[in-house]
Amino acid sequence: SYDDGTEVTLTAVPDIGSVFAGWSGDPDCKDGQVTMNAGKICTATFELAGLYVDINSGSDVTGCGSPASPCRTISFTLTQTAGNEAIYVAAGTYGSDTGETFPLNLWPGTALICQGAGYTTVIDQGVYDTAILGAAGASVSGCTIIGVPAVDDNGTSFTVDNCMIDLGGGCCTGIALSGNST
């Protein structure tokens, strides 16, 4: 209970892996400063920490990567980070014809997380070159990856989890491992 007219400062504390995105609810909540003159409902909104990519609604401009303003291509998004960051990739097909530059060279610690249900996020290099080059501590999950090889660990310890590897009718191997990769 607060006296009428008391100013209250709201504080939002995100969990690890999340970032505070803003306040919603009563109009007085928007700036995080509330003047108590009646009951108020304020809601803190959080987003997953990292960069976002969406081939359908994104734009490759400096500063892209938020959920509200995603980048368009994975290759451009990789220029916006130095690693140790998650990159969330929306459903769609990401290939040379949509502006991707291959191979996608992951930074150390990068987690490339495909969000399309049922492997509907497709990274399509085609059949004659590597689609993704790994890096130390990096990972890829939830994607359909097309290329020969689809993934190369680049001599590092790298993780590929819950992905569908499609050789696109090519020969040879889908995953080239030389380090302590899984």
Protein backbone atom coordinates (compact mmCIF):
# COMPACT_ATOMS: atom_id res chain seq x y z
CA SER A 1 0.00 0.00 0.00
CA TYR A 2 1.32 3.42 -0.99
CA ASP A 3 0.22 6.93 -0.08
CA ASP A 4 -1.57 8.76 -2.89
CA GLY A 5 0.98 10.50 -5.14
CA THR A 6 3.94 8.30 -4.13
CA GLU A 7 6.45 7.78 -6.99
CA VAL A 8 7.51 4.14 -7.42
CA THR A 9 10.41 3.00 -9.59
CA LEU A 10 9.87 -0.40 -11.19
CA THR A 11 12.80 -2.81 -11.44
CA ALA A 12 12.94 -5.76 -13.86
CA VAL A 13 15.50 -8.53 -13.30
CA PRO A 14 15.96 -10.89 -16.27
CA ASP A 15 16.91 -14.54 -15.89
CA ILE A 16 20.24 -15.64 -17.37
CA GLY A 17 19.86 -15.77 -21.16
CA SER A 18 17.16 -13.11 -21.24
CA VAL A 19 17.11 -9.33 -21.55
CA PHE A 20 14.53 -6.79 -20.39
CA ALA A 21 12.47 -5.48 -23.35
CA GLY A 22 10.14 -2.97 -21.69
CA TRP A 23 7.08 -2.34 -19.57
CA SER A 24 3.42 -2.69 -20.55
CA GLY A 25 0.07 -2.49 -18.77
CA ASP A 26 -1.27 0.76 -17.37
CA PRO A 27 -0.07 3.78 -19.43
CA ASP A 28 1.83 5.09 -16.39
CA CYS A 29 4.06 1.97 -16.48
CA LYS A 30 5.78 2.60 -19.84
CA ASP A 31 8.81 4.50 -18.46
CA GLY A 32 9.23 2.39 -15.30
CA GLN A 33 8.13 5.27 -13.06
CA VAL A 34 4.63 4.93 -11.57
CA THR A 35 2.68 7.52 -9.61
CA MET A 36 0.44 5.72 -7.17
CA ASN A 37 -3.07 7.16 -7.23
CA ALA A 38 -4.99 3.91 -7.83
CA GLY A 39 -4.31 0.23 -8.34
CA LYS A 40 -1.85 -0.33 -11.23
CA ILE A 41 -0.93 -3.38 -13.28
CA CYS A 42 2.53 -3.26 -14.85
CA THR A 43 4.04 -6.16 -16.81
CA ALA A 44 7.75 -6.62 -17.49
CA THR A 45 8.51 -8.13 -20.92
CA PHE A 46 11.68 -10.16 -21.52
CA GLU A 47 13.25 -11.54 -24.70
CA LEU A 48 15.87 -14.19 -25.29
CA ALA A 49 19.31 -12.60 -25.38
CA GLY A 50 20.97 -12.80 -28.78
CA LEU A 51 20.45 -11.81 -32.38
CA TYR A 52 17.44 -12.61 -34.56
CA VAL A 53 17.26 -13.49 -38.27
CA ASP A 54 14.15 -13.67 -40.45
CA ILE A 55 14.41 -14.11 -44.22
CA ASN A 56 10.79 -12.94 -44.62
CA SER A 57 10.73 -9.76 -42.53
CA GLY A 58 14.37 -8.90 -41.79
CA SER A 59 16.70 -6.28 -43.22
CA ASP A 60 20.49 -6.46 -43.37
CA VAL A 61 21.35 -3.05 -41.92
CA THR A 62 23.82 -2.18 -39.19
CA GLY A 63 22.09 -2.54 -35.85
CA CYS A 64 19.61 -5.20 -36.97
CA GLY A 65 19.11 -8.32 -34.90
CA SER A 66 16.42 -7.49 -32.36
CA PRO A 67 13.12 -9.41 -32.40
CA ALA A 68 11.38 -6.25 -33.68
CA SER A 69 14.06 -5.56 -36.31
CA PRO A 70 15.69 -8.87 -37.30
CA CYS A 71 18.51 -9.22 -39.80
CA ARG A 72 17.58 -10.88 -43.12
CA THR A 73 20.52 -13.28 -43.61
CA ILE A 74 22.59 -15.42 -41.29
CA SER A 75 25.83 -14.37 -43.01
CA PHE A 76 25.15 -10.66 -42.33
CA THR A 77 24.13 -11.41 -38.74
CA LEU A 78 27.49 -13.12 -38.20
CA THR A 79 29.16 -9.77 -39.05
CA GLN A 80 27.19 -8.15 -36.19
CA THR A 81 28.67 -10.38 -33.45
CA ALA A 82 32.07 -11.45 -32.20
CA GLY A 83 30.78 -14.76 -30.83
CA ASN A 84 29.57 -16.10 -27.51
CA GLU A 85 26.06 -15.16 -28.54
CA ALA A 86 22.92 -16.97 -29.66
CA ILE A 87 21.53 -16.35 -33.14
CA TYR A 88 17.84 -17.28 -33.48
CA VAL A 89 16.87 -18.11 -37.07
CA ALA A 90 13.18 -18.03 -38.08
CA ALA A 91 11.62 -20.61 -40.40
CA GLY A 92 12.44 -20.20 -44.07
CA THR A 93 15.06 -21.18 -46.65
CA TYR A 94 18.42 -19.44 -46.36
CA GLY A 95 20.53 -19.97 -49.48
CA SER A 96 22.72 -18.22 -52.04
CA ASP A 97 19.63 -17.15 -53.97
CA THR A 98 18.33 -15.33 -50.87
CA GLY A 99 21.60 -13.51 -50.18
CA GLU A 100 23.56 -15.92 -47.99
CA THR A 101 27.34 -16.07 -48.43
CA PHE A 102 28.77 -19.54 -47.82
CA PRO A 103 30.28 -21.07 -45.90
CA LEU A 104 28.70 -19.58 -42.79
CA ASN A 105 31.75 -19.11 -40.54
CA LEU A 106 30.61 -19.36 -36.94
CA TRP A 107 32.43 -17.43 -34.24
CA PRO A 108 33.67 -19.19 -31.08
CA GLY A 109 30.78 -19.76 -28.72
CA THR A 110 28.08 -18.91 -31.26
CA ALA A 111 24.85 -20.90 -30.92
CA LEU A 112 22.93 -20.98 -34.22
CA ILE A 113 19.39 -21.94 -33.17
CA CYS A 114 16.87 -22.69 -35.91
CA GLN A 115 13.36 -21.96 -34.67
CA GLY A 116 11.20 -23.38 -37.46
CA ALA A 117 9.20 -26.36 -36.19
CA GLY A 118 9.87 -29.69 -37.91
CA TYR A 119 13.17 -28.61 -39.48
CA THR A 120 11.47 -25.84 -41.51
CA THR A 121 14.52 -23.62 -41.13
CA VAL A 122 16.62 -24.69 -44.11
CA ILE A 123 20.24 -23.64 -44.70
CA ASP A 124 20.82 -24.58 -48.34
CA GLN A 125 24.35 -24.30 -49.73
CA GLY A 126 23.61 -26.82 -52.45
CA VAL A 127 25.65 -29.92 -53.15
CA TYR A 128 29.25 -28.83 -53.79
CA ASP A 129 30.46 -26.75 -50.87
CA THR A 130 30.40 -26.54 -47.09
CA ALA A 131 27.33 -24.84 -45.63
CA ILE A 132 28.60 -24.21 -42.07
CA LEU A 133 32.15 -23.98 -40.70
CA GLY A 134 32.29 -24.55 -36.96
CA ALA A 135 34.35 -22.80 -34.30
CA ALA A 136 35.44 -23.68 -30.77
CA GLY A 137 32.45 -24.04 -28.49
CA ALA A 138 29.97 -23.16 -31.25
CA SER A 139 26.79 -25.12 -31.93
CA VAL A 140 23.98 -25.54 -34.46
CA SER A 141 20.57 -26.93 -33.53
CA GLY A 142 17.17 -27.58 -35.08
CA CYS A 143 18.10 -26.94 -38.74
CA THR A 144 17.91 -28.73 -42.05
CA ILE A 145 21.37 -28.23 -43.56
CA ILE A 146 22.13 -28.92 -47.23
CA GLY A 147 25.71 -29.08 -48.51
CA VAL A 148 28.66 -31.45 -49.04
CA PRO A 149 29.76 -31.44 -46.37
CA ALA A 150 26.82 -29.73 -44.70
CA VAL A 151 28.91 -29.02 -41.61
CA ASP A 152 32.69 -28.96 -41.09
CA ASP A 153 34.01 -28.62 -37.54
CA ASN A 154 37.00 -26.67 -38.88
CA GLY A 155 39.34 -28.67 -36.62
CA THR A 156 37.64 -27.46 -33.43
CA SER A 157 35.25 -28.84 -30.82
CA PHE A 158 31.81 -28.04 -32.22
CA THR A 159 28.27 -29.39 -31.59
CA VAL A 160 25.52 -30.21 -34.11
CA ASP A 161 22.30 -31.14 -32.31
CA ASN A 162 18.88 -32.18 -33.58
CA CYS A 163 19.59 -31.24 -37.20
CA MET A 164 18.60 -32.95 -40.43
CA ILE A 165 21.55 -33.26 -42.82
CA ASP A 166 20.59 -33.38 -46.51
CA LEU A 167 23.33 -34.03 -49.04
CA GLY A 168 21.09 -32.64 -51.78
CA GLY A 169 21.79 -35.62 -54.01
CA GLY A 170 25.54 -35.15 -53.59
CA CYS A 171 28.16 -37.69 -52.74
CA CYS A 172 30.56 -37.93 -49.91
CA THR A 173 29.92 -36.90 -46.33
CA GLY A 174 27.37 -34.69 -44.59
CA ILE A 175 29.50 -33.86 -41.56
CA ALA A 176 33.28 -33.52 -41.61
CA LEU A 177 34.74 -34.02 -38.12
CA SER A 178 38.39 -33.71 -37.25
CA GLY A 179 38.29 -32.17 -33.76
CA ASN A 180 36.46 -33.39 -30.63
CA SER A 181 33.07 -32.53 -32.06
CA THR A 182 29.67 -34.07 -31.35
